């Protein structure tokens, strides 16, 4: 009788969060913090920077079995961190006010925004 073993490759979320902590996106309890290095940049440039980090992680771990969970977790951390920077920059005092002003994707009326996890998964599924 032959047994088949399945190899599962997963994204090490704790490792990714440690890297984000080292870069200043989360604190010691994995709560998002404002990444203030980009504070003086314009809004669209900050969104591009956050999207570069987001898509870099997502593309690197696109093979992972826990990819959907990873996308959602990293999206939540980076979107919250970006919202906290916008709250400080525009003196809005809370993430809620940022989301009311700019929308849940932080794009506002501009053409640049942070894509949702569903959009990212759809984009990655279309890649050859």
Foldseek 3Di string as FASTA:
>chain_A
DDDDDDDAAADPLVVVLVVCVVQQQADPVSAGAANCPCLPPDLQVVLVVLQVSLVVVLVVGVVHPCSLVSSQSSLVSSLLNSLNSVCVNVVVVDSVSQCVQQNSQSNRPHPGGNDHSVVSNVVSVPDD
